[in-house]
C-alpha atoms as a PDB file:
ATOM      1  CA  MET A   1      16.803   2.749  27.366  1.00  0.00           C
ATOM      2  CA  TRP A   2      17.957   1.660  30.818  1.00  0.00           C
ATOM      3  CA  LYS A   3      17.943  -1.986  29.704  1.00  0.00           C
ATOM      4  CA  LYS A   4      20.255  -1.206  26.816  1.00  0.00           C
ATOM      5  CA  ILE A   5      22.705   0.657  29.054  1.00  0.00           C
ATOM      6  CA  LEU A   6      22.651  -2.171  31.573  1.00  0.00           C
ATOM      7  CA  THR A   7      23.333  -4.776  28.907  1.00  0.00           C
ATOM      8  CA  ILE A   8      26.279  -2.819  27.547  1.00  0.00           C
ATOM      9  CA  SER A   9      27.692  -2.352  31.014  1.00  0.00           C
ATOM     10  CA  LEU A  10      27.460  -6.054  31.781  1.00  0.00           C
ATOM     11  CA  TRP A  11      29.266  -7.038  28.567  1.00  0.00           C
ATOM     12  CA  SER A  12      31.968  -4.472  29.250  1.00  0.00           C
ATOM     13  CA  LEU A  13      32.538  -5.808  32.748  1.00  0.00           C
ATOM     14  CA  LEU A  14      32.695  -9.361  31.358  1.00  0.00           C
ATOM     15  CA  ALA A  15      35.315  -8.369  28.793  1.00  0.00           C
ATOM     16  CA  VAL A  16      37.432  -6.604  31.401  1.00  0.00           C
ATOM     17  CA  ALA A  17      37.224  -9.636  33.704  1.00  0.00           C
ATOM     18  CA  THR A  18      38.265 -11.964  30.888  1.00  0.00           C
ATOM     19  CA  CYS A  19      41.264  -9.828  29.995  1.00  0.00           C
ATOM     20  CA  THR A  20      42.254  -9.640  33.635  1.00  0.00           C
ATOM     21  CA  LEU A  21      42.137 -13.418  33.993  1.00  0.00           C
ATOM     22  CA  LEU A  22      44.212 -13.930  30.826  1.00  0.00           C
ATOM     23  CA  ILE A  23      46.846 -11.474  31.982  1.00  0.00           C
ATOM     24  CA  ALA A  24      46.987 -13.114  35.382  1.00  0.00           C
ATOM     25  CA  ALA A  25      47.331 -16.544  33.797  1.00  0.00           C
ATOM     26  CA  MET A  26      50.150 -15.342  31.548  1.00  0.00           C
ATOM     27  CA  GLN A  27      51.938 -13.746  34.447  1.00  0.00           C
ATOM     28  CA  LYS A  28      51.529 -16.910  36.481  1.00  0.00           C
ATOM     29  CA  LYS A  29      52.970 -18.961  33.624  1.00  0.00           C
ATOM     30  CA  ASP A  30      55.906 -16.610  33.233  1.00  0.00           C
ATOM     31  CA  GLU A  31      56.651 -16.952  36.908  1.00  0.00           C
ATOM     32  CA  LYS A  32      56.958 -20.737  36.554  1.00  0.00           C
ATOM     33  CA  LYS A  33      60.366 -22.277  36.393  1.00  0.00           C
ATOM     34  CA  CYS A  34      61.855 -24.818  33.992  1.00  0.00           C
ATOM     35  CA  SER A  35      61.161 -28.242  35.452  1.00  0.00           C
ATOM     36  CA  GLY A  36      63.432 -30.228  33.129  1.00  0.00           C
ATOM     37  CA  ILE A  37      65.175 -30.464  29.749  1.00  0.00           C
ATOM     38  CA  ASN A  38      64.563 -33.183  27.144  1.00  0.00           C
ATOM     39  CA  ILE A  39      66.971 -33.422  24.168  1.00  0.00           C
ATOM     40  CA  GLU A  40      66.164 -35.483  21.072  1.00  0.00           C
ATOM     41  CA  ILE A  41      68.335 -35.912  17.955  1.00  0.00           C
ATOM     42  CA  ASN A  42      66.739 -37.246  14.752  1.00  0.00           C
ATOM     43  CA  GLY A  43      67.665 -37.622  11.095  1.00  0.00           C
ATOM     44  CA  ALA A  44      70.794 -39.698  10.569  1.00  0.00           C
ATOM     45  CA  HIS A  45      70.802 -43.501  10.739  1.00  0.00           C
ATOM     46  CA  ASN A  46      73.463 -45.063  12.965  1.00  0.00           C
ATOM     47  CA  LEU A  47      75.462 -41.827  12.860  1.00  0.00           C
ATOM     48  CA  VAL A  48      75.499 -39.068  15.460  1.00  0.00           C
ATOM     49  CA  PHE A  49      77.737 -36.209  14.398  1.00  0.00           C
ATOM     50  CA  VAL A  50      75.736 -33.922  16.696  1.00  0.00           C
ATOM     51  CA  ASP A  51      76.503 -34.808  20.313  1.00  0.00           C
ATOM     52  CA  LYS A  52      74.090 -34.170  23.172  1.00  0.00           C
ATOM     53  CA  LYS A  53      76.998 -32.722  25.121  1.00  0.00           C
ATOM     54  CA  ASP A  54      77.375 -30.015  22.491  1.00  0.00           C
ATOM     55  CA  ILE A  55      73.670 -29.150  22.779  1.00  0.00           C
ATOM     56  CA  VAL A  56      73.863 -28.998  26.565  1.00  0.00           C
ATOM     57  CA  LYS A  57      76.856 -26.702  26.258  1.00  0.00           C
ATOM     58  CA  VAL A  58      74.889 -24.324  24.008  1.00  0.00           C
ATOM     59  CA  LEU A  59      72.021 -24.304  26.528  1.00  0.00           C
ATOM     60  CA  GLN A  60      74.374 -23.535  29.400  1.00  0.00           C
ATOM     61  CA  VAL A  61      76.058 -20.708  27.500  1.00  0.00           C
ATOM     62  CA  ASN A  62      72.617 -19.171  26.987  1.00  0.00           C
ATOM     63  CA  GLY A  63      71.758 -19.564  30.666  1.00  0.00           C
ATOM     64  CA  THR A  64      69.245 -22.367  30.156  1.00  0.00           C
ATOM     65  CA  GLU A  65      69.040 -24.833  33.003  1.00  0.00           C
ATOM     66  CA  LYS A  66      66.562 -26.559  35.249  1.00  0.00           C
ATOM     67  CA  GLY A  67      64.981 -24.212  37.783  1.00  0.00           C
ATOM     68  CA  LYS A  68      65.361 -21.063  35.702  1.00  0.00           C
ATOM     69  CA  ALA A  69      62.284 -18.934  35.012  1.00  0.00           C
ATOM     70  CA  VAL A  70      60.579 -19.823  31.757  1.00  0.00           C
ATOM     71  CA  GLU A  71      60.242 -16.181  30.726  1.00  0.00           C
ATOM     72  CA  ALA A  72      64.005 -15.683  31.063  1.00  0.00           C
ATOM     73  CA  ILE A  73      64.855 -18.353  28.448  1.00  0.00           C
ATOM     74  CA  ASP A  74      65.185 -16.993  24.887  1.00  0.00           C
ATOM     75  CA  LEU A  75      64.128 -19.930  22.736  1.00  0.00           C
ATOM     76  CA  GLN A  76      64.693 -18.225  19.370  1.00  0.00           C
ATOM     77  CA  LYS A  77      68.248 -17.251  20.264  1.00  0.00           C
ATOM     78  CA  ILE A  78      69.066 -20.829  21.259  1.00  0.00           C
ATOM     79  CA  GLU A  79      67.568 -22.175  18.026  1.00  0.00           C
ATOM     80  CA  ALA A  80      69.688 -19.763  15.978  1.00  0.00           C
ATOM     81  CA  THR A  81      72.836 -20.800  17.862  1.00  0.00           C
ATOM     82  CA  LEU A  82      72.186 -24.511  17.327  1.00  0.00           C
ATOM     83  CA  SER A  83      71.496 -23.964  13.618  1.00  0.00           C
ATOM     84  CA  LYS A  84      74.985 -22.537  13.144  1.00  0.00           C
ATOM     85  CA  ASN A  85      76.323 -26.088  13.456  1.00  0.00           C
ATOM     86  CA  ALA A  86      76.773 -27.382   9.885  1.00  0.00           C
ATOM     87  CA  TRP A  87      75.488 -30.820  10.907  1.00  0.00           C
ATOM     88  CA  VAL A  88      72.215 -29.401  12.285  1.00  0.00           C
ATOM     89  CA  LYS A  89      69.500 -29.282   9.647  1.00  0.00           C
ATOM     90  CA  LYS A  90      66.762 -27.945  11.930  1.00  0.00           C
ATOM     91  CA  ALA A  91      66.385 -27.057  15.630  1.00  0.00           C
ATOM     92  CA  GLU A  92      63.154 -26.537  17.559  1.00  0.00           C
ATOM     93  CA  LEU A  93      62.641 -25.608  21.223  1.00  0.00           C
ATOM     94  CA  PHE A  94      59.364 -25.379  23.186  1.00  0.00           C
ATOM     95  CA  PHE A  95      57.901 -25.772  26.693  1.00  0.00           C
ATOM     96  CA  ASP A  96      55.062 -28.188  27.368  1.00  0.00           C
ATOM     97  CA  ASN A  97      52.304 -27.622  29.940  1.00  0.00           C
ATOM     98  CA  LYS A  98      54.557 -29.054  32.650  1.00  0.00           C
ATOM     99  CA  GLN A  99      57.303 -26.513  31.899  1.00  0.00           C
ATOM    100  CA  VAL A 100      59.643 -29.150  30.474  1.00  0.00           C
ATOM    101  CA  LEU A 101      61.903 -27.701  27.784  1.00  0.00           C
ATOM    102  CA  HIS A 102      61.987 -29.916  24.665  1.00  0.00           C
ATOM    103  CA  VAL A 103      64.991 -29.521  22.357  1.00  0.00           C
ATOM    104  CA  THR A 104      64.541 -31.344  19.029  1.00  0.00           C
ATOM    105  CA  VAL A 105      67.446 -31.374  16.590  1.00  0.00           C
ATOM    106  CA  GLU A 106      67.337 -32.864  13.095  1.00  0.00           C
ATOM    107  CA  GLU A 107      70.808 -33.954  11.981  1.00  0.00           C
ATOM    108  CA  ARG A 108      72.054 -33.903   8.409  1.00  0.00           C
ATOM    109  CA  GLU A 109      72.887 -37.319   6.963  1.00  0.00           C
ATOM    110  CA  PRO A 110      76.037 -37.684   4.799  1.00  0.00           C
ATOM    111  CA  ILE A 111      75.705 -39.567   1.499  1.00  0.00           C
ATOM    112  CA  ALA A 112      79.255 -39.255   0.115  1.00  0.00           C
ATOM    113  CA  ARG A 113      82.766 -38.221   1.018  1.00  0.00           C
ATOM    114  CA  ILE A 114      84.677 -36.095  -1.489  1.00  0.00           C
ATOM    115  CA  PHE A 115      88.418 -35.631  -1.969  1.00  0.00           C
ATOM    116  CA  THR A 116      89.365 -32.644  -4.115  1.00  0.00           C
ATOM    117  CA  LEU A 117      92.367 -32.211  -6.387  1.00  0.00           C
ATOM    118  CA  GLN A 118      93.547 -29.470  -4.027  1.00  0.00           C
ATOM    119  CA  GLY A 119      93.786 -31.929  -1.123  1.00  0.00           C
ATOM    120  CA  SER A 120      90.730 -31.070   0.974  1.00  0.00           C
ATOM    121  CA  SER A 121      88.026 -33.518   2.018  1.00  0.00           C
ATOM    122  CA  TYR A 122      84.447 -33.218   3.263  1.00  0.00           C
ATOM    123  CA  TYR A 123      81.051 -34.931   3.292  1.00  0.00           C
ATOM    124  CA  ILE A 124      77.927 -33.894   1.423  1.00  0.00           C
ATOM    125  CA  ASP A 125      74.283 -34.566   2.256  1.00  0.00           C
ATOM    126  CA  SER A 126      71.305 -35.068  -0.060  1.00  0.00           C
ATOM    127  CA  SER A 127      71.108 -31.298  -0.674  1.00  0.00           C
ATOM    128  CA  CYS A 128      74.838 -31.252  -1.645  1.00  0.00           C
ATOM    129  CA  LYS A 129      75.655 -29.144   1.402  1.00  0.00           C
ATOM    130  CA  ARG A 130      79.258 -29.494   2.577  1.00  0.00           C
ATOM    131  CA  LEU A 131      79.675 -31.123   5.961  1.00  0.00           C
ATOM    132  CA  PRO A 132      82.949 -31.030   7.930  1.00  0.00           C
ATOM    133  CA  LEU A 133      84.825 -34.164   8.959  1.00  0.00           C
ATOM    134  CA  SER A 134      84.744 -35.415  12.528  1.00  0.00           C
ATOM    135  CA  ASP A 135      87.769 -36.385  14.608  1.00  0.00           C
ATOM    136  CA  GLU A 136      85.724 -39.015  16.435  1.00  0.00           C
ATOM    137  CA  LEU A 137      83.405 -40.518  13.821  1.00  0.00           C
ATOM    138  CA  SER A 138      83.680 -41.641  10.206  1.00  0.00           C
ATOM    139  CA  ALA A 139      80.663 -42.250   8.007  1.00  0.00           C
ATOM    140  CA  ARG A 140      80.489 -45.400   5.877  1.00  0.00           C
ATOM    141  CA  VAL A 141      79.579 -43.751   2.577  1.00  0.00           C
ATOM    142  CA  PRO A 142      80.918 -43.949  -1.016  1.00  0.00           C
ATOM    143  CA  MET A 143      84.168 -42.014  -1.558  1.00  0.00           C
ATOM    144  CA  PHE A 144      84.839 -39.873  -4.628  1.00  0.00           C
ATOM    145  CA  THR A 145      88.331 -38.718  -5.551  1.00  0.00           C
ATOM    146  CA  SER A 146      89.712 -36.007  -7.878  1.00  0.00           C
ATOM    147  CA  PHE A 147      86.836 -33.562  -7.513  1.00  0.00           C
ATOM    148  CA  PRO A 148      87.910 -30.602  -9.696  1.00  0.00           C
ATOM    149  CA  SER A 149      87.206 -27.650  -7.384  1.00  0.00           C
ATOM    150  CA  ASP A 150      87.785 -26.656  -3.782  1.00  0.00           C
ATOM    151  CA  LYS A 151      85.706 -23.464  -3.926  1.00  0.00           C
ATOM    152  CA  LYS A 152      82.583 -23.018  -1.815  1.00  0.00           C
ATOM    153  CA  VAL A 153      80.748 -21.456  -4.750  1.00  0.00           C
ATOM    154  CA  LEU A 154      81.062 -23.869  -7.664  1.00  0.00           C
ATOM    155  CA  SER A 155      80.896 -23.143 -11.362  1.00  0.00           C
ATOM    156  CA  LYS A 156      78.099 -24.667 -13.448  1.00  0.00           C
ATOM    157  CA  PRO A 157      80.257 -27.545 -14.768  1.00  0.00           C
ATOM    158  CA  ASP A 158      81.504 -28.352 -11.269  1.00  0.00           C
ATOM    159  CA  SER A 159      77.968 -28.142  -9.897  1.00  0.00           C
ATOM    160  CA  ALA A 160      76.884 -30.641 -12.545  1.00  0.00           C
ATOM    161  CA  VAL A 161      79.679 -32.976 -11.465  1.00  0.00           C
ATOM    162  CA  LEU A 162      78.538 -32.648  -7.839  1.00  0.00           C
ATOM    163  CA  GLN A 163      74.996 -33.602  -8.860  1.00  0.00           C
ATOM    164  CA  ASP A 164      76.399 -36.686 -10.628  1.00  0.00           C
ATOM    165  CA  VAL A 165      78.336 -37.579  -7.485  1.00  0.00           C
ATOM    166  CA  LYS A 166      75.130 -37.326  -5.464  1.00  0.00           C
ATOM    167  CA  LYS A 167      73.276 -39.531  -7.962  1.00  0.00           C
ATOM    168  CA  ILE A 168      75.943 -42.244  -8.048  1.00  0.00           C
ATOM    169  CA  ALA A 169      76.427 -42.183  -4.269  1.00  0.00           C
ATOM    170  CA  GLN A 170      72.717 -42.616  -3.601  1.00  0.00           C
ATOM    171  CA  TYR A 171      72.559 -45.514  -6.069  1.00  0.00           C
ATOM    172  CA  ILE A 172      75.523 -47.303  -4.473  1.00  0.00           C
ATOM    173  CA  SER A 173      74.196 -46.777  -0.947  1.00  0.00           C
ATOM    174  CA  LYS A 174      70.899 -48.467  -1.826  1.00  0.00           C
ATOM    175  CA  ASP A 175      72.651 -51.814  -2.453  1.00  0.00           C
ATOM    176  CA  SER A 176      74.643 -53.373   0.399  1.00  0.00           C
ATOM    177  CA  PHE A 177      76.747 -55.416  -2.069  1.00  0.00           C
ATOM    178  CA  TRP A 178      77.942 -52.406  -4.079  1.00  0.00           C
ATOM    179  CA  LEU A 179      78.496 -50.385  -0.908  1.00  0.00           C
ATOM    180  CA  ALA A 180      80.818 -53.117   0.358  1.00  0.00           C
ATOM    181  CA  GLN A 181      82.474 -53.886  -3.005  1.00  0.00           C
ATOM    182  CA  ILE A 182      83.242 -50.339  -4.184  1.00  0.00           C
ATOM    183  CA  ALA A 183      86.314 -48.831  -2.510  1.00  0.00           C
ATOM    184  CA  GLN A 184      86.189 -45.477  -4.310  1.00  0.00           C
ATOM    185  CA  VAL A 185      84.972 -43.717  -7.450  1.00  0.00           C
ATOM    186  CA  ASP A 186      87.464 -41.577  -9.348  1.00  0.00           C
ATOM    187  CA  ILE A 187      86.341 -38.542 -11.357  1.00  0.00           C
ATOM    188  CA  THR A 188      88.274 -38.329 -14.626  1.00  0.00           C
ATOM    189  CA  ALA A 189      89.277 -35.151 -16.457  1.00  0.00           C
ATOM    190  CA  GLN A 190      86.598 -35.951 -19.072  1.00  0.00           C
ATOM    191  CA  GLY A 191      83.867 -35.941 -16.436  1.00  0.00           C
ATOM    192  CA  THR A 192      83.390 -39.717 -16.447  1.00  0.00           C
ATOM    193  CA  TYR A 193      83.644 -42.113 -13.517  1.00  0.00           C
ATOM    194  CA  GLU A 194      85.901 -45.088 -12.796  1.00  0.00           C
ATOM    195  CA  ILE A 195      85.384 -47.504  -9.922  1.00  0.00           C
ATOM    196  CA  THR A 196      88.111 -49.130  -7.866  1.00  0.00           C
ATOM    197  CA  PRO A 197      86.688 -52.323  -6.311  1.00  0.00           C
ATOM    198  CA  VAL A 198      87.573 -53.828  -2.955  1.00  0.00           C
ATOM    199  CA  LEU A 199      87.985 -57.330  -4.436  1.00  0.00           C
ATOM    200  CA  GLY A 200      89.998 -57.288  -7.650  1.00  0.00           C
ATOM    201  CA  ASN A 201      92.849 -55.209  -9.029  1.00  0.00           C
ATOM    202  CA  GLN A 202      91.240 -53.544 -12.026  1.00  0.00           C
ATOM    203  CA  VAL A 203      89.455 -50.400 -13.192  1.00  0.00           C
ATOM    204  CA  ILE A 204      85.692 -50.455 -13.798  1.00  0.00           C
ATOM    205  CA  ARG A 205      84.518 -47.726 -16.172  1.00  0.00           C
ATOM    206  CA  ILE A 206      80.879 -46.667 -15.927  1.00  0.00           C
ATOM    207  CA  GLY A 207      81.068 -43.521 -18.084  1.00  0.00           C
ATOM    208  CA  ASP A 208      78.603 -40.815 -17.039  1.00  0.00           C
ATOM    209  CA  ALA A 209      75.932 -40.972 -14.327  1.00  0.00           C
ATOM    210  CA  GLU A 210      73.125 -41.979 -16.698  1.00  0.00           C
ATOM    211  CA  ASN A 211      71.487 -45.435 -16.951  1.00  0.00           C
ATOM    212  CA  LEU A 212      73.039 -46.646 -13.721  1.00  0.00           C
ATOM    213  CA  ASP A 213      70.521 -49.485 -13.389  1.00  0.00           C
ATOM    214  CA  THR A 214      71.571 -50.944 -16.743  1.00  0.00           C
ATOM    215  CA  LYS A 215      75.304 -50.483 -16.163  1.00  0.00           C
ATOM    216  CA  PHE A 216      75.373 -52.060 -12.737  1.00  0.00           C
ATOM    217  CA  ALA A 217      73.109 -54.881 -13.936  1.00  0.00           C
ATOM    218  CA  MET A 218      75.643 -55.665 -16.691  1.00  0.00           C
ATOM    219  CA  LEU A 219      78.459 -55.538 -14.159  1.00  0.00           C
ATOM    220  CA  MET A 220      76.601 -57.925 -11.857  1.00  0.00           C
ATOM    221  CA  GLY A 221      75.994 -60.251 -14.817  1.00  0.00           C
ATOM    222  CA  PHE A 222      79.716 -60.176 -15.577  1.00  0.00           C
ATOM    223  CA  TYR A 223      80.487 -61.094 -11.974  1.00  0.00           C
ATOM    224  CA  LYS A 224      78.107 -64.054 -12.045  1.00  0.00           C
ATOM    225  CA  GLN A 225      78.805 -65.417 -15.541  1.00  0.00           C
ATOM    226  CA  VAL A 226      82.515 -64.776 -16.084  1.00  0.00           C
ATOM    227  CA  TRP A 227      84.334 -63.614 -13.000  1.00  0.00           C
ATOM    228  CA  SER A 228      83.137 -66.481 -10.816  1.00  0.00           C
ATOM    229  CA  LYS A 229      84.865 -68.920 -13.207  1.00  0.00           C
ATOM    230  CA  THR A 230      88.147 -67.079 -13.791  1.00  0.00           C
ATOM    231  CA  GLY A 231      88.774 -65.235 -10.509  1.00  0.00           C
ATOM    232  CA  PHE A 232      89.124 -61.616  -9.459  1.00  0.00           C
ATOM    233  CA  GLU A 233      92.727 -61.079 -10.549  1.00  0.00           C
ATOM    234  CA  LYS A 234      92.425 -62.078 -14.223  1.00  0.00           C
ATOM    235  CA  TYR A 235      91.197 -58.715 -15.543  1.00  0.00           C
ATOM    236  CA  THR A 236      92.757 -55.257 -15.674  1.00  0.00           C
ATOM    237  CA  LEU A 237      89.774 -53.411 -17.163  1.00  0.00           C
ATOM    238  CA  ILE A 238      85.986 -53.762 -17.184  1.00  0.00           C
ATOM    239  CA  ASP A 239      84.005 -51.209 -19.171  1.00  0.00           C
ATOM    240  CA  VAL A 240      80.191 -51.101 -18.882  1.00  0.00           C
ATOM    241  CA  GLN A 241      79.561 -47.671 -20.339  1.00  0.00           C
ATOM    242  CA  TYR A 242      78.519 -49.075 -23.753  1.00  0.00           C
ATOM    243  CA  GLU A 243      74.945 -50.166 -24.279  1.00  0.00           C
ATOM    244  CA  GLY A 244      74.407 -53.912 -24.588  1.00  0.00           C
ATOM    245  CA  GLN A 245      77.992 -55.060 -24.094  1.00  0.00           C
ATOM    246  CA  ILE A 246      80.920 -55.192 -21.708  1.00  0.00           C
ATOM    247  CA  VAL A 247      84.486 -54.482 -22.801  1.00  0.00           C
ATOM    248  CA  ALA A 248      86.908 -56.485 -20.660  1.00  0.00           C
ATOM    249  CA  ALA A 249      90.673 -56.947 -20.846  1.00  0.00           C
ATOM    250  CA  LYS A 250      92.618 -59.791 -19.272  1.00  0.00           C
ATOM    251  CA  ARG A 251      96.153 -59.283 -18.108  1.00  0.00           C
ATOM    252  CA  GLY A 252      98.582 -59.492 -21.023  1.00  0.00           C
ATOM    253  CA  THR A 253      95.833 -59.534 -23.677  1.00  0.00           C
ATOM    254  CA  THR A 254      93.876 -57.040 -25.736  1.00  0.00           C
ATOM    255  CA  ASN A 255      90.319 -55.993 -25.017  1.00  0.00           C
ATOM    256  CA  ILE A 256      87.549 -58.556 -25.333  1.00  0.00           C
ATOM    257  CA  ASN A 257      84.039 -57.515 -26.344  1.00  0.00           C
ATOM    258  CA  ILE A 258      81.310 -59.401 -24.551  1.00  0.00           C
ATOM    259  CA  ASP A 259      77.710 -59.134 -25.716  1.00  0.00           C
ATOM    260  CA  THR A 260      75.908 -59.417 -22.431  1.00  0.00           C
ATOM    261  CA  SER A 261      72.468 -59.806 -23.983  1.00  0.00           C
ATOM    262  CA  LYS A 262      73.363 -62.841 -26.125  1.00  0.00           C
ATOM    263  CA  ALA A 263      76.778 -64.324 -25.568  1.00  0.00           C
ATOM    264  CA  MET A 264      76.438 -64.601 -21.828  1.00  0.00           C
ATOM    265  CA  MET A 265      73.080 -66.291 -22.060  1.00  0.00           C
ATOM    266  CA  GLN A 266      74.287 -68.674 -24.762  1.00  0.00           C
ATOM    267  CA  MET A 267      77.347 -69.594 -22.751  1.00  0.00           C
ATOM    268  CA  GLY A 268      75.255 -70.371 -19.696  1.00  0.00           C
ATOM    269  CA  ASN A 269      72.832 -72.507 -21.720  1.00  0.00           C
ATOM    270  CA  ALA A 270      75.667 -74.383 -23.406  1.00  0.00           C
ATOM    271  CA  MET A 271      77.260 -75.192 -20.079  1.00  0.00           C
ATOM    272  CA  GLN A 272      73.976 -76.525 -18.721  1.00  0.00           C
ATOM    273  CA  GLN A 273      73.389 -78.676 -21.820  1.00  0.00           C
ATOM    274  CA  MET A 274      76.905 -80.082 -21.609  1.00  0.00           C
ATOM    275  CA  LYS A 275      76.468 -81.022 -17.949  1.00  0.00           C
ATOM    276  CA  GLN A 276      73.158 -82.713 -18.692  1.00  0.00           C
ATOM    277  CA  ALA A 277      74.653 -84.618 -21.598  1.00  0.00           C
ATOM    278  CA  MET A 278      77.581 -85.903 -19.547  1.00  0.00           C
ATOM    279  CA  ASN A 279      75.203 -87.152 -16.847  1.00  0.00           C
ATOM    280  CA  ASP A 280      72.812 -88.794 -19.348  1.00  0.00           C
ATOM    281  CA  THR A 281      73.606 -92.572 -19.678  1.00  0.00           C
ATOM    282  CA  ALA A 282      71.552 -92.951 -22.853  1.00  0.00           C
ATOM    283  CA  PHE A 283      73.670 -90.287 -24.488  1.00  0.00           C
ATOM    284  CA  SER A 284      76.839 -92.246 -23.654  1.00  0.00           C
ATOM    285  CA  ILE A 285      75.502 -95.485 -25.188  1.00  0.00           C
ATOM    286  CA  ASN A 286      74.705 -93.778 -28.471  1.00  0.00           C
ATOM    287  CA  ILE A 287      78.308 -92.638 -28.745  1.00  0.00           C
ATOM    288  CA  SER A 288      79.840 -96.104 -28.122  1.00  0.00           C
ATOM    289  CA  LYS A 289      77.969 -97.910 -30.918  1.00  0.00           C
ATOM    290  CA  PRO A 290      79.475 -96.035 -33.889  1.00  0.00           C
ATOM    291  CA  GLU A 291      82.956 -96.564 -32.471  1.00  0.00           C
ATOM    292  CA  THR A 292      82.542-100.395 -32.510  1.00  0.00           C
ATOM    293  CA  ILE A 293      81.294-100.432 -36.097  1.00  0.00           C
ATOM    294  CA  VAL A 294      84.169 -98.349 -37.313  1.00  0.00           C
ATOM    295  CA  LYS A 295      86.715-100.647 -35.717  1.00  0.00           C
ATOM    296  CA  GLN A 296      85.191-103.749 -37.299  1.00  0.00           C
ATOM    297  CA  ASP A 297      85.084-102.162 -40.789  1.00  0.00           C
ATOM    298  CA  SER A 298      88.712-101.123 -40.467  1.00  0.00           C
ATOM    299  CA  ALA A 299      89.741-104.699 -39.686  1.00  0.00           C
ATOM    300  CA  ARG A 300      87.938-106.016 -42.735  1.00  0.00           C
ATOM    301  CA  GLN A 301      89.517-103.419 -45.025  1.00  0.00           C
ATOM    302  CA  ASN A 302      92.963-104.312 -43.717  1.00  0.00           C
ATOM    303  CA  VAL A 303      92.340-108.005 -44.474  1.00  0.00           C
ATOM    304  CA  GLU A 304      91.216-107.326 -48.053  1.00  0.00           C
ATOM    305  CA  LYS A 305      94.279-105.181 -48.842  1.00  0.00           C
ATOM    306  CA  LYS A 306      96.919-107.921 -48.492  1.00  0.00           C
ATOM    307  CA  ASP A 307      99.767-105.966 -50.021  1.00  0.00           C
ATOM    308  CA  LYS A 308      99.313-103.102 -47.536  1.00  0.00           C
ATOM    309  CA  VAL A 309      98.991-105.199 -44.383  1.00  0.00           C
ATOM    310  CA  LYS A 310     102.322-105.732 -42.736  1.00  0.00           C
ATOM    311  CA  LYS A 311     101.304-106.418 -39.130  1.00  0.00           C
ATOM    312  CA  PRO A 312      98.127-107.875 -37.677  1.00  0.00           C
ATOM    313  CA  VAL A 313      95.905-105.640 -35.587  1.00  0.00           C
ATOM    314  CA  VAL A 314      95.644-107.365 -32.236  1.00  0.00           C
ATOM    315  CA  LYS A 315      95.209-104.446 -29.749  1.00  0.00           C
ATOM    316  CA  GLU A 316      91.428-104.538 -29.820  1.00  0.00           C
ATOM    317  CA  LYS A 317      89.695-107.783 -28.937  1.00  0.00           C
ATOM    318  CA  GLN A 318      87.466-108.851 -31.887  1.00  0.00           C
ATOM    319  CA  PRO A 319      84.394-111.095 -31.692  1.00  0.00           C
ATOM    320  CA  ALA A 320      84.989-114.884 -31.886  1.00  0.00           C
ATOM    321  CA  THR A 321      83.711-115.116 -35.483  1.00  0.00           C
ATOM    322  CA  ASN A 322      86.404-112.752 -36.754  1.00  0.00           C
ATOM    323  CA  LYS A 323      89.487-114.312 -35.087  1.00  0.00           C
ATOM    324  CA  LYS A 324      90.054-117.136 -37.659  1.00  0.00           C
ATOM    325  CA  GLN A 325      90.159-114.923 -40.714  1.00  0.00           C
ATOM    326  CA  PRO A 326      93.263-112.912 -39.746  1.00  0.00           C
ATOM    327  CA  LYS A 327      95.161-116.131 -38.812  1.00  0.00           C
ATOM    328  CA  ALA A 328      94.555-117.758 -42.247  1.00  0.00           C
ATOM    329  CA  ILE A 329      95.822-114.679 -44.042  1.00  0.00           C
ATOM    330  CA  LEU A 330      98.985-114.596 -41.984  1.00  0.00           C
ATOM    331  CA  ASN A 331      99.760-118.304 -42.680  1.00  0.00           C
ATOM    332  CA  LYS A 332      99.491-117.842 -46.475  1.00  0.00           C
ATOM    333  CA  LYS A 333     101.783-114.882 -46.425  1.00  0.00           C
ATOM    334  CA  THR A 334     104.401-116.772 -44.387  1.00  0.00           C
ATOM    335  CA  GLY A 335     104.380-119.700 -46.779  1.00  0.00           C
ATOM    336  CA  ASN A 336     105.224-117.482 -49.732  1.00  0.00           C
END
């Protein structure tokens, strides 16, 4: 009986001692002061719309500075304040075991800039969240004009258009050539899209936001096969919204249908065969032989038809065996 009471008493004392040590450790930690502040901004590539100065300002407003007691710093309140910035996707604050305050901010990355019909402009990120413009920085992203609505809460049709804008913008941004070549994308009243290029004074119609791989592949094929030979200013319209063909219009002419799957390939093959033929010496010799035979036969026919021959053919030099025959014919005719 006494052993059982003793055992229980010992365990109780051990539990009380443990709790006392934990409380003392917590109190000791709370009495420690902030030894430093480390700020880190992640997320966007080559763009910093969230400035460290702005974060420091938020910390100072909330009384957070080096040397202040750790227990006096309200981390959750600071996180909520930082998250109010539209460019901040996520904010996290914590102290390490050396009482250094770590502030980690994840910045939103813009993927497109939109100009509405009402005259406003803003960026959007991959979640289609609106991001305000900056007076100091400008993002190099695809620009879309004539967006139909300026409202913060969009209708279903306008939301669908915004999703198309996101899809097209992400596709363009993946390719450095298209990002540099495309000046802007205009949204038509029919919900289709027309590109204004940097090089060239024409409209490029891509239709809807479907099958972008195929459409841009046809456009690239047009650049390589046709445009490189005629120049950038020859065309007023290029339409790649139709499957298997490009509709192009030169200045002052009607539309021209180009079958990209066949005609372009055939034209390229024909050009290669022509170049090879012109550089092939054997091919040139085969052409010259028939020409010589034809000239000789013509001379003989002219000799046989005496009543039709009025003047001798002397422009082409004939072989030595054929020179006497024309002279004899001319002498007889003079004697008559």
